[in-house]
């Protein structure tokens, strides 16, 4: 091979490496943003759960059973954060072990 072919090959490899690095940096930034959002949502969920725990504790000492049923008439919802974390884990697993 001539020197020109080697130079062309080297430039092509360097360009591909730069593209790959840029792609990885974008994916990392997106993952960091998702992680920050999930952390914020988890902190909010913890606050809500602590409030609910306090509420349940107060209700557990109540003799007014009708009031308890009215306050807790709807079941506690499943966290969307937990659902999203499960999806993220599944996507990560698929990236590591593609079929």
N, C-alpha and C. Protein backbone atom coordinates (compact mmCIF):
# COMPACT_ATOMS: atom_id res chain seq x y z
N UNK A 1 0.84 -1.19 0.00
CA UNK A 1 0.00 0.00 0.00
C UNK A 1 0.87 1.24 0.00
N UNK A 2 0.34 2.24 -0.64
CA UNK A 2 1.10 3.48 -0.72
C UNK A 2 0.84 4.35 0.52
N UNK A 3 1.63 5.35 0.65
CA UNK A 3 1.51 6.28 1.78
C UNK A 3 0.17 7.00 1.73
N UNK A 4 -0.33 7.29 0.54
CA UNK A 4 -1.61 7.97 0.38
C UNK A 4 -2.76 7.11 0.91
N UNK A 5 -2.70 5.82 0.66
CA UNK A 5 -3.74 4.90 1.14
C UNK A 5 -3.71 4.85 2.67
N UNK A 6 -2.51 4.77 3.24
CA UNK A 6 -2.39 4.77 4.70
C UNK A 6 -2.94 6.07 5.29
N UNK A 7 -2.62 7.19 4.67
CA UNK A 7 -3.10 8.49 5.16
C UNK A 7 -4.62 8.56 5.09
N UNK A 8 -5.19 8.08 4.00
CA UNK A 8 -6.64 8.08 3.85
C UNK A 8 -7.29 7.18 4.90
N UNK A 9 -6.72 6.02 5.09
CA UNK A 9 -7.23 5.09 6.10
C UNK A 9 -7.14 5.69 7.50
N UNK A 10 -6.02 6.32 7.79
CA UNK A 10 -5.82 6.95 9.10
C UNK A 10 -6.85 8.07 9.33
N UNK A 11 -7.06 8.92 8.32
CA UNK A 11 -8.05 10.00 8.45
C UNK A 11 -9.45 9.42 8.66
N UNK A 12 -9.75 8.36 7.95
CA UNK A 12 -11.06 7.72 8.09
C UNK A 12 -11.25 7.17 9.50
N UNK A 13 -10.22 6.53 10.04
CA UNK A 13 -10.29 6.00 11.39
C UNK A 13 -10.41 7.11 12.42
N UNK A 14 -9.67 8.18 12.24
CA UNK A 14 -9.74 9.31 13.16
C UNK A 14 -11.12 9.96 13.12
N UNK A 15 -11.70 10.09 11.92
CA UNK A 15 -13.03 10.67 11.78
C UNK A 15 -14.06 9.77 12.47
N UNK A 16 -13.95 8.47 12.26
CA UNK A 16 -14.88 7.52 12.89
C UNK A 16 -14.73 7.55 14.41
N UNK A 17 -13.50 7.65 14.89
CA UNK A 17 -13.26 7.73 16.33
C UNK A 17 -13.90 8.98 16.91
N UNK A 18 -13.77 10.11 16.21
CA UNK A 18 -14.36 11.37 16.68
C UNK A 18 -15.89 11.26 16.69
N UNK A 19 -16.47 10.64 15.68
CA UNK A 19 -17.93 10.44 15.64
C UNK A 19 -18.39 9.57 16.80
N UNK A 20 -17.65 8.50 17.05
CA UNK A 20 -18.00 7.59 18.14
C UNK A 20 -17.91 8.30 19.49
N UNK A 21 -16.86 9.07 19.67
CA UNK A 21 -16.68 9.82 20.92
C UNK A 21 -17.82 10.81 21.12
N UNK A 22 -18.21 11.50 20.06
CA UNK A 22 -19.32 12.45 20.14
C UNK A 22 -20.62 11.74 20.50
N UNK A 23 -20.86 10.60 19.88
CA UNK A 23 -22.06 9.82 20.18
C UNK A 23 -22.07 9.38 21.65
N UNK A 24 -20.94 8.89 22.12
CA UNK A 24 -20.85 8.46 23.52
C UNK A 24 -21.07 9.62 24.48
N UNK A 25 -20.53 10.78 24.17
CA UNK A 25 -20.70 11.95 25.02
C UNK A 25 -22.17 12.39 25.06
N UNK A 26 -22.85 12.35 23.90
CA UNK A 26 -24.28 12.70 23.88
C UNK A 26 -25.09 11.72 24.71
N UNK A 27 -24.79 10.43 24.55
CA UNK A 27 -25.53 9.41 25.31
C UNK A 27 -25.27 9.56 26.81
N UNK A 28 -24.03 9.86 27.18
CA UNK A 28 -23.71 10.04 28.59
C UNK A 28 -24.44 11.25 29.16
N UNK A 29 -24.47 12.34 28.40
CA UNK A 29 -25.17 13.54 28.87
C UNK A 29 -26.66 13.25 29.04
N UNK A 30 -27.24 12.53 28.10
CA UNK A 30 -28.67 12.18 28.21
C UNK A 30 -28.91 11.28 29.43
N UNK A 31 -28.01 10.33 29.65
CA UNK A 31 -28.16 9.43 30.80
C UNK A 31 -28.02 10.20 32.11
N UNK A 32 -27.11 11.16 32.15
CA UNK A 32 -26.94 11.98 33.36
C UNK A 32 -28.19 12.82 33.62
N UNK A 33 -28.78 13.37 32.56
CA UNK A 33 -30.00 14.16 32.73
C UNK A 33 -31.14 13.28 33.24
N UNK A 34 -31.27 12.07 32.69
CA UNK A 34 -32.29 11.14 33.17
C UNK A 34 -32.05 10.79 34.63
N UNK A 35 -30.80 10.55 34.98
CA UNK A 35 -30.47 10.19 36.36
C UNK A 35 -30.80 11.34 37.32
N UNK A 36 -30.50 12.57 36.91
CA UNK A 36 -30.82 13.72 37.76
C UNK A 36 -32.33 13.86 37.93
N UNK A 37 -33.08 13.66 36.82
CA UNK A 37 -34.53 13.75 36.90
C UNK A 37 -35.08 12.66 37.81
N UNK A 38 -34.56 11.44 37.66
CA UNK A 38 -35.02 10.34 38.51
C UNK A 38 -34.69 10.60 39.97
N UNK A 39 -33.52 11.15 40.24
CA UNK A 39 -33.14 11.46 41.62
C UNK A 39 -34.10 12.49 42.22
N UNK A 40 -34.42 13.51 41.45
CA UNK A 40 -35.37 14.52 41.92
C UNK A 40 -36.73 13.89 42.19
N UNK A 41 -37.18 13.03 41.27
CA UNK A 41 -38.47 12.38 41.45
C UNK A 41 -38.45 11.43 42.65
N UNK A 42 -37.34 10.74 42.85
CA UNK A 42 -37.23 9.86 44.01
C UNK A 42 -37.25 10.64 45.32
N UNK A 43 -36.58 11.78 45.34
CA UNK A 43 -36.59 12.61 46.54
C UNK A 43 -38.00 13.11 46.83
N UNK A 44 -38.74 13.47 45.79
CA UNK A 44 -40.13 13.89 45.96
C UNK A 44 -40.97 12.72 46.47
N UNK A 45 -40.74 11.54 45.90
CA UNK A 45 -41.50 10.36 46.34
C UNK A 45 -41.19 10.02 47.79
N UNK A 46 -39.95 10.15 48.20
CA UNK A 46 -39.58 9.90 49.60
C UNK A 46 -40.32 10.86 50.51
N UNK A 47 -40.35 12.13 50.11
CA UNK A 47 -41.07 13.13 50.90
C UNK A 47 -42.55 12.77 51.01
N UNK A 48 -43.14 12.35 49.89
CA UNK A 48 -44.56 11.98 49.90
C UNK A 48 -44.80 10.75 50.76
N UNK A 49 -43.90 9.77 50.66
CA UNK A 49 -44.05 8.56 51.47
C UNK A 49 -43.91 8.86 52.96
N UNK A 50 -42.98 9.74 53.30
CA UNK A 50 -42.84 10.12 54.71
C UNK A 50 -44.10 10.81 55.21
N UNK A 51 -44.69 11.66 54.37
CA UNK A 51 -45.93 12.34 54.74
C UNK A 51 -47.05 11.32 54.91
N UNK A 52 -47.12 10.36 53.98
CA UNK A 52 -48.15 9.32 54.08
C UNK A 52 -47.96 8.44 55.31
N UNK A 53 -46.70 8.14 55.62
CA UNK A 53 -46.43 7.34 56.81
C UNK A 53 -46.90 8.07 58.07
N UNK A 54 -46.62 9.36 58.12
CA UNK A 54 -47.06 10.16 59.26
C UNK A 54 -48.58 10.20 59.32
N UNK A 55 -49.20 10.33 58.16
CA UNK A 55 -50.66 10.35 58.09
C UNK A 55 -51.25 9.02 58.57
N UNK A 56 -50.67 7.91 58.13
CA UNK A 56 -51.14 6.59 58.55
C UNK A 56 -50.93 6.40 60.05
N UNK A 57 -49.80 6.88 60.53
CA UNK A 57 -49.53 6.78 61.97
C UNK A 57 -50.60 7.52 62.76
N UNK A 58 -50.93 8.71 62.31
CA UNK A 58 -51.97 9.47 63.00
C UNK A 58 -53.33 8.77 62.90
N UNK A 59 -53.63 8.24 61.72
CA UNK A 59 -54.91 7.55 61.52
C UNK A 59 -54.99 6.27 62.35
N UNK A 60 -53.87 5.64 62.57
CA UNK A 60 -53.88 4.37 63.31
C UNK A 60 -54.32 4.58 64.77
N UNK A 61 -54.21 5.80 65.24
CA UNK A 61 -54.62 6.10 66.61
C UNK A 61 -56.05 6.63 66.67
N UNK A 62 -56.68 6.73 65.50
CA UNK A 62 -58.04 7.29 65.45
C UNK A 62 -59.07 6.21 65.74
N UNK A 63 -60.13 6.62 66.38
CA UNK A 63 -61.25 5.71 66.64
C UNK A 63 -62.34 5.90 65.59
N UNK A 64 -62.20 6.93 64.75
CA UNK A 64 -63.20 7.23 63.73
C UNK A 64 -62.89 6.43 62.46
N UNK A 65 -63.40 5.22 62.35
CA UNK A 65 -63.08 4.34 61.23
C UNK A 65 -63.64 4.85 59.91
N UNK A 66 -64.76 5.55 59.94
CA UNK A 66 -65.32 6.12 58.72
C UNK A 66 -64.37 7.17 58.17
N UNK A 67 -63.81 7.98 59.05
CA UNK A 67 -62.84 9.00 58.63
C UNK A 67 -61.62 8.34 57.98
N UNK A 68 -61.15 7.26 58.53
CA UNK A 68 -60.00 6.53 57.97
C UNK A 68 -60.32 6.07 56.56
N UNK A 69 -61.50 5.51 56.36
CA UNK A 69 -61.88 5.03 55.03
C UNK A 69 -62.02 6.18 54.04
N UNK A 70 -62.52 7.30 54.49
CA UNK A 70 -62.67 8.45 53.59
C UNK A 70 -61.31 9.01 53.19
N UNK A 71 -60.41 9.08 54.13
CA UNK A 71 -59.07 9.63 53.84
C UNK A 71 -58.29 8.70 52.92
N UNK A 72 -58.40 7.40 53.14
CA UNK A 72 -57.61 6.43 52.37
C UNK A 72 -58.50 5.62 51.44
N UNK A 73 -59.49 6.25 50.81
CA UNK A 73 -60.40 5.51 49.95
C UNK A 73 -59.75 5.05 48.66
N UNK A 74 -58.74 5.77 48.19
CA UNK A 74 -58.07 5.33 46.95
C UNK A 74 -56.75 4.63 47.30
N UNK A 75 -56.45 3.55 46.59
CA UNK A 75 -55.18 2.86 46.88
C UNK A 75 -54.00 3.74 46.49
N UNK A 76 -52.88 3.50 47.15
CA UNK A 76 -51.69 4.28 46.81
C UNK A 76 -51.23 3.88 45.43
N UNK A 77 -50.90 4.89 44.65
CA UNK A 77 -50.50 4.65 43.27
C UNK A 77 -49.07 4.08 43.22
N UNK A 78 -48.82 3.33 42.15
CA UNK A 78 -47.47 2.81 41.93
C UNK A 78 -46.67 3.94 41.31
N UNK A 79 -45.51 4.13 41.81
CA UNK A 79 -44.66 5.24 41.39
C UNK A 79 -44.26 5.10 39.93
N UNK A 80 -44.39 6.21 39.20
CA UNK A 80 -43.90 6.22 37.82
C UNK A 80 -42.38 6.17 37.80
N UNK A 81 -41.75 6.65 38.86
CA UNK A 81 -40.29 6.59 38.96
C UNK A 81 -39.85 5.13 38.96
N UNK A 82 -40.53 4.29 39.76
CA UNK A 82 -40.18 2.88 39.81
C UNK A 82 -40.37 2.23 38.46
N UNK A 83 -41.44 2.60 37.76
CA UNK A 83 -41.69 2.04 36.43
C UNK A 83 -40.57 2.45 35.47
N UNK A 84 -40.18 3.73 35.51
CA UNK A 84 -39.13 4.20 34.61
C UNK A 84 -37.78 3.56 34.95
N UNK A 85 -37.51 3.35 36.24
CA UNK A 85 -36.25 2.71 36.61
C UNK A 85 -36.22 1.29 36.07
N UNK A 86 -37.34 0.59 36.09
CA UNK A 86 -37.39 -0.76 35.54
C UNK A 86 -37.12 -0.74 34.05
N UNK A 87 -37.71 0.22 33.33
CA UNK A 87 -37.48 0.34 31.90
C UNK A 87 -36.01 0.64 31.62
N UNK A 88 -35.41 1.54 32.41
CA UNK A 88 -33.99 1.88 32.22
C UNK A 88 -33.11 0.66 32.44
N UNK A 89 -33.42 -0.12 33.46
CA UNK A 89 -32.64 -1.33 33.72
C UNK A 89 -32.75 -2.31 32.55
N UNK A 90 -33.96 -2.45 32.02
CA UNK A 90 -34.16 -3.37 30.89
C UNK A 90 -33.38 -2.89 29.67
N UNK A 91 -33.42 -1.58 29.40
CA UNK A 91 -32.69 -1.04 28.25
C UNK A 91 -31.19 -1.22 28.43
N UNK A 92 -30.69 -0.96 29.63
CA UNK A 92 -29.27 -1.12 29.91
C UNK A 92 -28.85 -2.58 29.72
N UNK A 93 -29.67 -3.50 30.22
CA UNK A 93 -29.38 -4.92 30.08
C UNK A 93 -29.33 -5.30 28.59
N UNK A 94 -30.25 -4.74 27.81
CA UNK A 94 -30.27 -5.05 26.38
C UNK A 94 -29.06 -4.47 25.67
N UNK A 95 -28.54 -3.34 26.16
CA UNK A 95 -27.32 -2.79 25.57
C UNK A 95 -26.12 -3.67 25.88
N UNK A 96 -26.07 -4.20 27.11
CA UNK A 96 -24.96 -5.05 27.50
C UNK A 96 -25.00 -6.42 26.85
N UNK A 97 -26.21 -6.96 26.73
CA UNK A 97 -26.37 -8.32 26.22
C UNK A 97 -27.39 -8.34 25.09
N UNK A 98 -27.02 -7.79 23.93
CA UNK A 98 -27.98 -7.78 22.82
C UNK A 98 -28.26 -9.21 22.35
N UNK A 99 -29.48 -9.41 21.91
CA UNK A 99 -29.84 -10.77 21.47
C UNK A 99 -29.50 -11.00 20.03
